[in-house]
Amino acid sequence: MRVGILLFDGVEELDFVGVWEVLRKAKQLHPGLALSVTTLATKEAIQCALGLKVLAHEVKRDWSDVDLLVVPGGPGRKEVIEDAAMIDAIAQFGRSRPVASVCTGALILQKTGLLDGRRATTHFLSRDELTEADVVTDRVVVDGPVTTAAGVSASIDLGLAILEANFGKALADEVAARIEYVPPQAG
């Protein structure tokens, strides 16, 4: 399984780093695991929302070698939503393969039409903007090939959900224990 995490200027750091950490930790613990993770962008140098500068692993819009696309959020989502070519690329990907979002990345997925009529979540301050989905307050919502995670720190929960769905609960639990993560209690 190859996971691609989309990066863009103004991306919220923890939105992508949480899921990255969880998936890479699984691979570190089990080098033979059929899992790889990469970051994808339309340019190499990315200026994140809170000032972190990162370099994308791959600069391209052809994601045909990716099995799951993760779309984080952040203030830069507004520019992504206005980028017709990017929205089309995400929509095209999501018509044939699974997609996931973290935080306001759900608003990007909404623009593609991939959330239409599906259950979804996002950051609590942006739920009212998620007008094309049946909004729920769970930290992670799976509706068919689309998975959405709530705000920021739910990136970790998304990573664990990806592991559990594709490699089993035992691995997800092992990684959660290794990174000393205790999921928040519901309610």
C-alpha atoms as a PDB file:
ATOM      1  CA  MET A   1       0.000   0.000   0.000  1.00  0.00           C
ATOM      2  CA  ARG A   2       1.382   3.391  -1.007  1.00  0.00           C
ATOM      3  CA  VAL A   3       0.000   6.432   0.829  1.00  0.00           C
ATOM      4  CA  GLY A   4       0.479   9.908  -0.601  1.00  0.00           C
ATOM      5  CA  ILE A   5       0.022  12.929   1.652  1.00  0.00           C
ATOM      6  CA  LEU A   6      -0.754  16.116  -0.243  1.00  0.00           C
ATOM      7  CA  LEU A   7       1.185  19.225   0.797  1.00  0.00           C
ATOM      8  CA  PHE A   8       0.532  22.855  -0.141  1.00  0.00           C
ATOM      9  CA  ASP A   9       1.504  26.282   1.153  1.00  0.00           C
ATOM     10  CA  GLY A  10      -0.472  27.036   4.300  1.00  0.00           C
ATOM     11  CA  VAL A  11      -1.010  23.379   5.221  1.00  0.00           C
ATOM     12  CA  GLU A  12      -1.493  22.856   8.958  1.00  0.00           C
ATOM     13  CA  GLU A  13       1.613  21.060  10.228  1.00  0.00           C
ATOM     14  CA  LEU A  14       0.025  18.486  12.541  1.00  0.00           C
ATOM     15  CA  ASP A  15      -2.628  17.691   9.923  1.00  0.00           C
ATOM     16  CA  PHE A  16      -0.002  15.879   7.871  1.00  0.00           C
ATOM     17  CA  VAL A  17       2.749  15.110  10.385  1.00  0.00           C
ATOM     18  CA  GLY A  18       0.448  13.098  12.681  1.00  0.00           C
ATOM     19  CA  VAL A  19      -0.625  10.630  10.022  1.00  0.00           C
ATOM     20  CA  TRP A  20       2.935  10.559   8.630  1.00  0.00           C
ATOM     21  CA  GLU A  21       4.385   9.680  12.047  1.00  0.00           C
ATOM     22  CA  VAL A  22       1.889   6.883  12.662  1.00  0.00           C
ATOM     23  CA  LEU A  23       2.377   5.244   9.277  1.00  0.00           C
ATOM     24  CA  ARG A  24       6.163   5.593   9.261  1.00  0.00           C
ATOM     25  CA  LYS A  25       6.359   4.238  12.815  1.00  0.00           C
ATOM     26  CA  ALA A  26       4.471   1.129  11.666  1.00  0.00           C
ATOM     27  CA  LYS A  27       6.999   0.665   8.861  1.00  0.00           C
ATOM     28  CA  GLN A  28       9.908   1.242  11.255  1.00  0.00           C
ATOM     29  CA  LEU A  29       8.571  -1.406  13.635  1.00  0.00           C
ATOM     30  CA  HIS A  30       7.858  -3.839  10.784  1.00  0.00           C
ATOM     31  CA  PRO A  31      10.246  -3.154   7.864  1.00  0.00           C
ATOM     32  CA  GLY A  32       8.640  -5.888   5.764  1.00  0.00           C
ATOM     33  CA  LEU A  33       5.201  -4.293   6.009  1.00  0.00           C
ATOM     34  CA  ALA A  34       3.735  -3.614   2.562  1.00  0.00           C
ATOM     35  CA  LEU A  35       3.409   0.102   3.294  1.00  0.00           C
ATOM     36  CA  SER A  36       5.145   3.188   1.994  1.00  0.00           C
ATOM     37  CA  VAL A  37       4.381   6.840   2.644  1.00  0.00           C
ATOM     38  CA  THR A  38       5.330   9.877   0.602  1.00  0.00           C
ATOM     39  CA  THR A  39       4.495  13.555   0.447  1.00  0.00           C
ATOM     40  CA  LEU A  40       3.191  15.056  -2.780  1.00  0.00           C
ATOM     41  CA  ALA A  41       3.079  18.675  -3.928  1.00  0.00           C
ATOM     42  CA  THR A  42       3.152  20.813  -7.037  1.00  0.00           C
ATOM     43  CA  LYS A  43       6.422  22.399  -5.873  1.00  0.00           C
ATOM     44  CA  GLU A  44       9.251  21.172  -3.665  1.00  0.00           C
ATOM     45  CA  ALA A  45       9.431  23.837  -0.921  1.00  0.00           C
ATOM     46  CA  ILE A  46       6.302  24.197   1.200  1.00  0.00           C
ATOM     47  CA  GLN A  47       5.659  26.984   3.722  1.00  0.00           C
ATOM     48  CA  CYS A  48       3.313  25.525   6.345  1.00  0.00           C
ATOM     49  CA  ALA A  49       0.652  27.426   8.297  1.00  0.00           C
ATOM     50  CA  LEU A  50       2.685  27.975  11.458  1.00  0.00           C
ATOM     51  CA  GLY A  51       6.010  28.683   9.780  1.00  0.00           C
ATOM     52  CA  LEU A  52       7.552  25.238   9.334  1.00  0.00           C
ATOM     53  CA  LYS A  53       9.235  24.827   5.958  1.00  0.00           C
ATOM     54  CA  VAL A  54       9.306  21.343   4.451  1.00  0.00           C
ATOM     55  CA  LEU A  55      10.384  19.761   1.190  1.00  0.00           C
ATOM     56  CA  ALA A  56       7.937  17.482  -0.568  1.00  0.00           C
ATOM     57  CA  HIS A  57       9.282  14.062  -1.497  1.00  0.00           C
ATOM     58  CA  GLU A  58       7.605  14.146  -4.900  1.00  0.00           C
ATOM     59  CA  VAL A  59       6.638  17.115  -7.066  1.00  0.00           C
ATOM     60  CA  LYS A  60       3.867  15.974  -9.399  1.00  0.00           C
ATOM     61  CA  ARG A  61       0.124  15.874 -10.032  1.00  0.00           C
ATOM     62  CA  ASP A  62       0.117  12.358 -11.453  1.00  0.00           C
ATOM     63  CA  TRP A  63      -0.653  10.161  -8.476  1.00  0.00           C
ATOM     64  CA  SER A  64      -1.282   6.953 -10.410  1.00  0.00           C
ATOM     65  CA  ASP A  65       1.259   5.108  -8.241  1.00  0.00           C
ATOM     66  CA  VAL A  66      -0.561   6.038  -5.002  1.00  0.00           C
ATOM     67  CA  ASP A  67      -3.200   3.787  -3.406  1.00  0.00           C
ATOM     68  CA  LEU A  68      -4.574   6.267  -0.841  1.00  0.00           C
ATOM     69  CA  LEU A  69      -4.445  10.062  -1.009  1.00  0.00           C
ATOM     70  CA  VAL A  70      -4.519  12.001   2.280  1.00  0.00           C
ATOM     71  CA  VAL A  71      -5.628  15.636   2.036  1.00  0.00           C
ATOM     72  CA  PRO A  72      -4.772  17.749   5.097  1.00  0.00           C
ATOM     73  CA  GLY A  73      -6.245  21.158   5.863  1.00  0.00           C
ATOM     74  CA  GLY A  74      -5.056  24.527   7.055  1.00  0.00           C
ATOM     75  CA  PRO A  75      -5.495  28.106   5.896  1.00  0.00           C
ATOM     76  CA  GLY A  76      -3.896  27.229   2.547  1.00  0.00           C
ATOM     77  CA  ARG A  77      -6.920  25.094   1.723  1.00  0.00           C
ATOM     78  CA  LYS A  78      -8.626  28.205   0.356  1.00  0.00           C
ATOM     79  CA  GLU A  79      -6.085  28.482  -2.463  1.00  0.00           C
ATOM     80  CA  VAL A  80      -6.329  24.749  -3.143  1.00  0.00           C
ATOM     81  CA  ILE A  81     -10.122  25.031  -3.385  1.00  0.00           C
ATOM     82  CA  GLU A  82      -9.694  27.775  -6.005  1.00  0.00           C
ATOM     83  CA  ASP A  83      -7.153  25.729  -8.012  1.00  0.00           C
ATOM     84  CA  ALA A  84      -9.372  24.035 -10.601  1.00  0.00           C
ATOM     85  CA  ALA A  85      -6.589  21.736 -11.829  1.00  0.00           C
ATOM     86  CA  MET A  86      -5.841  20.522  -8.293  1.00  0.00           C
ATOM     87  CA  ILE A  87      -9.520  19.974  -7.497  1.00  0.00           C
ATOM     88  CA  ASP A  88      -9.906  18.021 -10.729  1.00  0.00           C
ATOM     89  CA  ALA A  89      -6.832  15.892  -9.948  1.00  0.00           C
ATOM     90  CA  ILE A  90      -8.143  15.053  -6.460  1.00  0.00           C
ATOM     91  CA  ALA A  91     -11.630  14.318  -7.820  1.00  0.00           C
ATOM     92  CA  GLN A  92     -10.238  12.080 -10.551  1.00  0.00           C
ATOM     93  CA  PHE A  93      -8.123  10.200  -8.011  1.00  0.00           C
ATOM     94  CA  GLY A  94     -11.073   9.762  -5.649  1.00  0.00           C
ATOM     95  CA  ARG A  95     -13.310   8.304  -8.329  1.00  0.00           C
ATOM     96  CA  SER A  96     -11.147   5.183  -8.521  1.00  0.00           C
ATOM     97  CA  ARG A  97      -9.187   5.000  -5.253  1.00  0.00           C
ATOM     98  CA  PRO A  98      -9.696   5.813  -1.569  1.00  0.00           C
ATOM     99  CA  VAL A  99      -9.163   9.320  -0.235  1.00  0.00           C
ATOM    100  CA  ALA A 100      -8.894  10.684   3.285  1.00  0.00           C
ATOM    101  CA  SER A 101      -8.830  14.125   4.816  1.00  0.00           C
ATOM    102  CA  VAL A 102      -7.734  15.710   8.054  1.00  0.00           C
ATOM    103  CA  CYS A 103      -9.360  18.796   9.543  1.00  0.00           C
ATOM    104  CA  THR A 104     -10.404  21.327   6.897  1.00  0.00           C
ATOM    105  CA  GLY A 105      -9.017  19.083   4.189  1.00  0.00           C
ATOM    106  CA  ALA A 106     -12.634  17.880   4.170  1.00  0.00           C
ATOM    107  CA  LEU A 107     -13.577  21.224   2.606  1.00  0.00           C
ATOM    108  CA  ILE A 108     -11.189  20.434  -0.246  1.00  0.00           C
ATOM    109  CA  LEU A 109     -12.821  17.022  -0.675  1.00  0.00           C
ATOM    110  CA  GLN A 110     -16.224  18.714  -0.592  1.00  0.00           C
ATOM    111  CA  LYS A 111     -15.192  20.943  -3.519  1.00  0.00           C
ATOM    112  CA  THR A 112     -14.362  17.812  -5.546  1.00  0.00           C
ATOM    113  CA  GLY A 113     -17.837  16.371  -4.973  1.00  0.00           C
ATOM    114  CA  LEU A 114     -16.405  13.302  -3.244  1.00  0.00           C
ATOM    115  CA  LEU A 115     -18.289  14.060  -0.009  1.00  0.00           C
ATOM    116  CA  ASP A 116     -21.708  14.548  -1.617  1.00  0.00           C
ATOM    117  CA  GLY A 117     -24.251  12.614   0.455  1.00  0.00           C
ATOM    118  CA  ARG A 118     -21.590  10.956   2.617  1.00  0.00           C
ATOM    119  CA  ARG A 119     -21.050  11.084   6.359  1.00  0.00           C
ATOM    120  CA  ALA A 120     -18.013  13.231   7.154  1.00  0.00           C
ATOM    121  CA  THR A 121     -16.287  15.280   9.823  1.00  0.00           C
ATOM    122  CA  THR A 122     -13.936  18.237   9.994  1.00  0.00           C
ATOM    123  CA  HIS A 123     -12.593  20.746  12.518  1.00  0.00           C
ATOM    124  CA  PHE A 124     -15.398  21.817  14.853  1.00  0.00           C
ATOM    125  CA  LEU A 125     -15.066  25.468  13.782  1.00  0.00           C
ATOM    126  CA  SER A 126     -15.640  24.508  10.128  1.00  0.00           C
ATOM    127  CA  ARG A 127     -18.521  22.048  10.427  1.00  0.00           C
ATOM    128  CA  ASP A 128     -21.028  24.646   9.209  1.00  0.00           C
ATOM    129  CA  GLU A 129     -19.018  24.985   5.972  1.00  0.00           C
ATOM    130  CA  LEU A 130     -19.375  21.269   5.264  1.00  0.00           C
ATOM    131  CA  THR A 131     -22.721  21.653   3.509  1.00  0.00           C
ATOM    132  CA  GLU A 132     -22.686  18.727   1.061  1.00  0.00           C
ATOM    133  CA  ALA A 133     -22.121  15.993   3.648  1.00  0.00           C
ATOM    134  CA  ASP A 134     -23.958  14.535   6.616  1.00  0.00           C
ATOM    135  CA  VAL A 135     -21.724  16.064   9.307  1.00  0.00           C
ATOM    136  CA  VAL A 136     -20.941  13.985  12.381  1.00  0.00           C
ATOM    137  CA  THR A 137     -18.696  14.774  15.338  1.00  0.00           C
ATOM    138  CA  ASP A 138     -16.647  11.568  15.461  1.00  0.00           C
ATOM    139  CA  ARG A 139     -12.866  11.932  15.284  1.00  0.00           C
ATOM    140  CA  VAL A 140     -12.695   9.604  12.267  1.00  0.00           C
ATOM    141  CA  VAL A 141     -15.554   8.831   9.884  1.00  0.00           C
ATOM    142  CA  VAL A 142     -15.356   6.121   7.234  1.00  0.00           C
ATOM    143  CA  ASP A 143     -17.995   6.216   4.507  1.00  0.00           C
ATOM    144  CA  GLY A 144     -17.102   3.849   1.701  1.00  0.00           C
ATOM    145  CA  PRO A 145     -13.829   4.871   0.052  1.00  0.00           C
ATOM    146  CA  VAL A 146     -13.785   8.248   1.828  1.00  0.00           C
ATOM    147  CA  THR A 147     -12.379   8.718   5.330  1.00  0.00           C
ATOM    148  CA  THR A 148     -12.448  12.061   7.108  1.00  0.00           C
ATOM    149  CA  ALA A 149     -10.802  13.031  10.386  1.00  0.00           C
ATOM    150  CA  ALA A 150     -11.734  15.892  12.692  1.00  0.00           C
ATOM    151  CA  GLY A 151      -9.431  18.764  13.594  1.00  0.00           C
ATOM    152  CA  VAL A 152      -5.654  18.788  13.661  1.00  0.00           C
ATOM    153  CA  SER A 153      -4.700  16.157  16.277  1.00  0.00           C
ATOM    154  CA  ALA A 154      -7.176  13.717  14.710  1.00  0.00           C
ATOM    155  CA  SER A 155      -4.431  13.220  12.122  1.00  0.00           C
ATOM    156  CA  ILE A 156      -3.000  10.670  14.546  1.00  0.00           C
ATOM    157  CA  ASP A 157      -6.383   8.934  14.777  1.00  0.00           C
ATOM    158  CA  LEU A 158      -6.565   8.854  10.978  1.00  0.00           C
ATOM    159  CA  GLY A 159      -3.169   7.181  10.768  1.00  0.00           C
ATOM    160  CA  LEU A 160      -4.252   4.561  13.284  1.00  0.00           C
ATOM    161  CA  ALA A 161      -7.528   4.012  11.397  1.00  0.00           C
ATOM    162  CA  ILE A 162      -5.598   3.488   8.150  1.00  0.00           C
ATOM    163  CA  LEU A 163      -3.388   0.927   9.868  1.00  0.00           C
ATOM    164  CA  GLU A 164      -6.321  -0.898  11.445  1.00  0.00           C
ATOM    165  CA  ALA A 165      -8.326  -1.022   8.205  1.00  0.00           C
ATOM    166  CA  ASN A 166      -5.409  -2.280   6.111  1.00  0.00           C
ATOM    167  CA  PHE A 167      -3.174  -4.213   8.507  1.00  0.00           C
ATOM    168  CA  GLY A 168      -5.302  -5.020  11.567  1.00  0.00           C
ATOM    169  CA  LYS A 169      -6.087  -3.691  15.019  1.00  0.00           C
ATOM    170  CA  ALA A 170      -3.046  -5.323  16.613  1.00  0.00           C
ATOM    171  CA  LEU A 171      -0.662  -3.202  14.538  1.00  0.00           C
ATOM    172  CA  ALA A 172      -2.660  -0.021  15.165  1.00  0.00           C
ATOM    173  CA  ASP A 173      -2.610  -0.738  18.904  1.00  0.00           C
ATOM    174  CA  GLU A 174       1.122  -1.475  18.823  1.00  0.00           C
ATOM    175  CA  VAL A 175       1.876   1.828  17.108  1.00  0.00           C
ATOM    176  CA  ALA A 176      -0.427   3.778  19.448  1.00  0.00           C
ATOM    177  CA  ALA A 177       1.390   2.266  22.429  1.00  0.00           C
ATOM    178  CA  ARG A 178       4.813   2.964  20.917  1.00  0.00           C
ATOM    179  CA  ILE A 179       4.036   6.650  20.339  1.00  0.00           C
ATOM    180  CA  GLU A 180       2.294   6.779  23.741  1.00  0.00           C
ATOM    181  CA  TYR A 181      -0.990   7.917  22.236  1.00  0.00           C
ATOM    182  CA  VAL A 182      -4.226   7.453  24.128  1.00  0.00           C
ATOM    183  CA  PRO A 183      -7.182   8.477  21.953  1.00  0.00           C
ATOM    184  CA  PRO A 184      -9.523  11.025  23.529  1.00  0.00           C
ATOM    185  CA  GLN A 185     -12.694   9.591  25.014  1.00  0.00           C
ATOM    186  CA  ALA A 186     -15.839  10.110  22.948  1.00  0.00           C
ATOM    187  CA  GLY A 187     -18.288  12.718  24.197  1.00  0.00           C
END
